[in-house]
Amino acid sequence: MRVLGLTGGIGSGKSTAAAVLAGMGVPVVDADQVARRLQQRGAPGWRRVRELFGWPVLRADGELDRPRLARWIFTDPQQRARLDAALHPLIGAAIREDLQELEAHGADTAVLVAPLLFESGLDRLCRQVWVVEAPFALILERLRARGLAEADARARMAAQMAPAERRRRAQLVIPNGGSREELAARVQAAWQRFQEDAR
């Protein structure tokens, strides 16, 4: 099965691009959704996080306090590295299982959308990697609209791979500085080329 990797920094629009592809009937595996599944109360990722950081990262109902954990790890690179080392193998294994299940059900192509595609080594699963990019000021505006304080938004952006390095490692860069319709048109055109290259 051919796997197309889709990545980009926070607020870049990669999830919107993935939604465009899903709307075209393309199977999508979302690494963030896989991570959330693995971090539900009692799941393997939840147990790893609890072992690493203890009860302070849990809410009263036992679920992970994700906003609190995010604020912590995005201001402490060492703790973020510990968390990544604990979770990336679990997430990677679950993603491989999801892709194998899609293939077993007849899918010949799938999209893997992951913010840490390169950092986690998941790009090795992909025939091509596309990067969605947006201007810095627009990303800040989007993150503020989500309720993130500017300092938190900047911390998350600073913790990610540099845009230039993503561009260097990708086969295609999709600019996303305009409307959703403009992004959709670029994604659809890129998908058509990707399909034609496979023939």
Protein backbone atom coordinates (compact mmCIF):
# COMPACT_ATOMS: atom_id res chain seq x y z
CA MET A 1 0.00 0.00 0.00
CA ARG A 2 1.20 3.51 -0.83
CA VAL A 3 1.27 5.84 2.16
CA LEU A 4 1.28 9.60 1.73
CA GLY A 5 2.69 11.51 4.70
CA LEU A 6 1.10 14.84 5.56
CA THR A 7 2.72 17.10 8.14
CA GLY A 8 3.28 20.70 9.14
CA GLY A 9 3.70 22.85 12.19
CA ILE A 10 0.94 23.66 14.65
CA GLY A 11 -1.68 25.89 13.06
CA SER A 12 -0.38 25.28 9.55
CA GLY A 13 -3.59 23.71 8.25
CA LYS A 14 -2.49 20.08 7.89
CA SER A 15 -5.69 18.85 9.55
CA THR A 16 -7.74 20.88 7.08
CA ALA A 17 -5.73 19.40 4.21
CA ALA A 18 -6.33 15.91 5.63
CA ALA A 19 -10.05 16.66 5.84
CA VAL A 20 -10.04 17.62 2.15
CA LEU A 21 -8.47 14.26 1.27
CA ALA A 22 -10.88 12.38 3.53
CA GLY A 23 -13.75 14.18 1.80
CA MET A 24 -12.45 12.76 -1.48
CA GLY A 25 -12.74 9.27 -0.04
CA VAL A 26 -9.06 8.78 0.80
CA PRO A 27 -8.46 6.74 4.00
CA VAL A 28 -6.73 8.89 6.63
CA VAL A 29 -4.81 7.75 9.70
CA ASP A 30 -4.40 10.67 12.12
CA ALA A 31 -1.46 10.31 14.53
CA ASP A 32 -3.03 12.75 17.00
CA GLN A 33 -6.21 10.65 17.17
CA VAL A 34 -4.12 7.50 17.63
CA ALA A 35 -2.21 9.21 20.46
CA ARG A 36 -5.46 10.25 22.17
CA ARG A 37 -6.77 6.68 21.89
CA LEU A 38 -3.61 5.36 23.53
CA GLN A 39 -3.78 7.96 26.32
CA GLN A 40 -7.33 7.27 27.44
CA ARG A 41 -7.61 6.12 31.04
CA GLY A 42 -6.12 2.66 31.45
CA ALA A 43 -4.63 2.48 27.93
CA PRO A 44 -0.90 1.78 27.40
CA GLY A 45 0.03 5.41 26.73
CA TRP A 46 -1.89 6.58 29.80
CA ARG A 47 0.06 4.11 31.92
CA ARG A 48 3.38 5.31 30.45
CA VAL A 49 2.57 8.96 31.17
CA ARG A 50 1.46 8.17 34.72
CA GLU A 51 4.66 6.20 35.35
CA LEU A 52 6.77 9.10 34.06
CA PHE A 53 5.07 12.05 35.72
CA GLY A 54 2.84 10.64 38.46
CA TRP A 55 -0.60 11.63 39.61
CA PRO A 56 -0.19 15.42 39.14
CA VAL A 57 -0.86 15.00 35.39
CA LEU A 58 -4.22 13.28 36.01
CA ARG A 59 -7.60 14.93 36.48
CA ALA A 60 -9.90 14.01 39.34
CA ASP A 61 -11.65 11.44 37.11
CA GLY A 62 -8.34 9.73 36.33
CA GLU A 63 -8.07 10.95 32.74
CA LEU A 64 -4.94 12.81 31.62
CA ASP A 65 -5.01 16.55 32.22
CA ARG A 66 -3.84 17.24 28.67
CA PRO A 67 -3.70 21.07 28.88
CA ARG A 68 -1.63 20.90 32.06
CA LEU A 69 0.69 18.27 30.60
CA ALA A 70 1.10 20.35 27.41
CA ARG A 71 2.00 23.51 29.36
CA TRP A 72 4.58 21.51 31.28
CA ILE A 73 6.33 19.72 28.43
CA PHE A 74 6.39 22.71 26.07
CA THR A 75 8.36 24.71 28.62
CA ASP A 76 10.75 21.87 29.54
CA PRO A 77 12.59 20.25 26.61
CA GLN A 78 13.97 17.43 28.79
CA GLN A 79 10.53 16.39 29.97
CA ARG A 80 9.20 16.63 26.42
CA ALA A 81 12.02 14.35 25.24
CA ARG A 82 11.15 11.83 27.98
CA LEU A 83 7.50 11.87 26.95
CA ASP A 84 8.31 11.47 23.26
CA ALA A 85 10.67 8.57 23.97
CA ALA A 86 7.94 6.83 25.96
CA LEU A 87 5.04 7.40 23.57
CA HIS A 88 6.48 7.41 20.03
CA PRO A 89 7.09 3.62 19.91
CA LEU A 90 3.51 2.94 21.07
CA ILE A 91 2.02 5.41 18.63
CA GLY A 92 4.16 4.14 15.76
CA ALA A 93 3.12 0.54 16.40
CA ALA A 94 -0.56 1.48 16.55
CA ILE A 95 -0.29 3.48 13.31
CA ARG A 96 1.31 0.50 11.55
CA GLU A 97 -1.55 -1.69 12.75
CA ASP A 98 -4.13 0.80 11.47
CA LEU A 99 -2.42 0.96 8.07
CA GLN A 100 -2.23 -2.84 7.87
CA GLU A 101 -5.93 -3.06 8.69
CA LEU A 102 -6.77 -0.61 5.90
CA GLU A 103 -4.66 -2.64 3.48
CA ALA A 104 -6.35 -5.87 4.60
CA HIS A 105 -9.69 -4.27 3.74
CA GLY A 106 -8.55 -3.44 0.22
CA ALA A 107 -7.11 0.07 0.46
CA ASP A 108 -4.20 0.62 -1.92
CA THR A 109 -3.44 4.17 -0.70
CA ALA A 110 -3.73 5.95 2.64
CA VAL A 111 -2.76 9.28 4.13
CA LEU A 112 -0.83 9.48 7.39
CA VAL A 113 -1.20 12.91 9.00
CA ALA A 114 1.27 13.52 11.81
CA PRO A 115 2.72 16.72 13.27
CA LEU A 116 5.92 14.87 14.27
CA LEU A 117 6.19 12.76 11.14
CA PHE A 118 9.93 13.31 10.70
CA GLU A 119 10.81 13.47 14.39
CA SER A 120 9.16 10.11 15.08
CA GLY A 121 10.63 8.39 12.00
CA LEU A 122 7.17 7.74 10.55
CA ASP A 123 8.25 9.34 7.29
CA ARG A 124 9.99 6.02 6.56
CA LEU A 125 6.54 4.51 6.00
CA CYS A 126 5.68 7.06 3.32
CA ARG A 127 6.05 7.06 -0.45
CA GLN A 128 5.91 10.87 -0.40
CA VAL A 129 5.70 13.55 2.28
CA TRP A 130 3.75 16.78 1.88
CA VAL A 131 4.27 19.73 4.20
CA VAL A 132 1.56 22.34 4.76
CA GLU A 133 2.92 25.79 5.62
CA ALA A 134 1.37 29.06 6.70
CA PRO A 135 2.83 32.49 7.52
CA PHE A 136 3.97 32.95 11.12
CA ALA A 137 1.53 35.80 11.86
CA LEU A 138 -1.40 33.78 10.51
CA ILE A 139 -0.46 30.77 12.64
CA LEU A 140 -0.37 32.97 15.74
CA GLU A 141 -3.80 34.34 14.85
CA ARG A 142 -5.20 30.81 14.44
CA LEU A 143 -3.74 29.64 17.74
CA ARG A 144 -5.12 32.66 19.59
CA ALA A 145 -8.53 31.84 18.12
CA ARG A 146 -8.19 28.37 19.66
CA GLY A 147 -7.71 29.98 23.06
CA LEU A 148 -3.94 29.66 23.35
CA ALA A 149 -2.10 32.53 24.96
CA GLU A 150 0.57 34.01 22.69
CA ALA A 151 3.39 32.83 24.98
CA ASP A 152 2.04 29.25 24.89
CA ALA A 153 1.61 29.42 21.12
CA ARG A 154 5.17 30.63 20.63
CA ALA A 155 6.50 27.91 22.95
CA ARG A 156 4.76 25.20 20.94
CA MET A 157 6.00 26.60 17.65
CA ALA A 158 9.57 26.87 18.98
CA ALA A 159 9.48 23.24 20.13
CA GLN A 160 8.85 21.96 16.60
CA MET A 161 11.18 21.18 13.73
CA ALA A 162 12.30 24.28 11.87
CA PRO A 163 10.17 24.97 8.77
CA ALA A 164 13.28 25.02 6.57
CA GLU A 165 14.19 21.50 7.66
CA ARG A 166 10.65 20.24 6.95
CA ARG A 167 10.82 21.79 3.50
CA ARG A 168 14.19 20.17 2.83
CA ARG A 169 12.90 16.70 3.70
CA ALA A 170 9.52 16.90 1.96
CA GLN A 171 8.66 16.11 -1.65
CA LEU A 172 6.00 18.84 -1.79
CA VAL A 173 5.28 22.05 0.11
CA ILE A 174 1.68 23.29 0.08
CA PRO A 175 1.31 26.97 1.01
CA ASN A 176 -1.71 27.82 3.15
CA GLY A 177 -1.86 31.56 3.54
CA GLY A 178 -5.30 32.10 2.02
CA SER A 179 -8.78 30.65 2.20
CA ARG A 180 -9.85 27.07 2.86
CA GLU A 181 -11.03 26.90 -0.76
CA GLU A 182 -7.57 27.81 -2.03
CA LEU A 183 -5.98 25.15 0.17
CA ALA A 184 -8.53 22.57 -0.99
CA ALA A 185 -7.75 23.34 -4.63
CA ARG A 186 -4.01 22.91 -4.03
CA VAL A 187 -4.52 19.63 -2.16
CA GLN A 188 -6.83 18.25 -4.84
CA ALA A 189 -4.37 19.14 -7.60
CA ALA A 190 -1.48 17.58 -5.68
CA TRP A 191 -3.49 14.44 -5.06
CA GLN A 192 -4.26 14.11 -8.75
CA ARG A 193 -0.53 14.34 -9.55
CA PHE A 194 0.25 11.80 -6.84
CA GLN A 195 -2.25 9.37 -8.37
CA GLU A 196 -0.94 9.93 -11.88
CA ASP A 197 2.64 9.27 -10.77
CA ALA A 198 1.55 5.86 -9.49
CA ARG A 199 0.24 4.75 -12.88
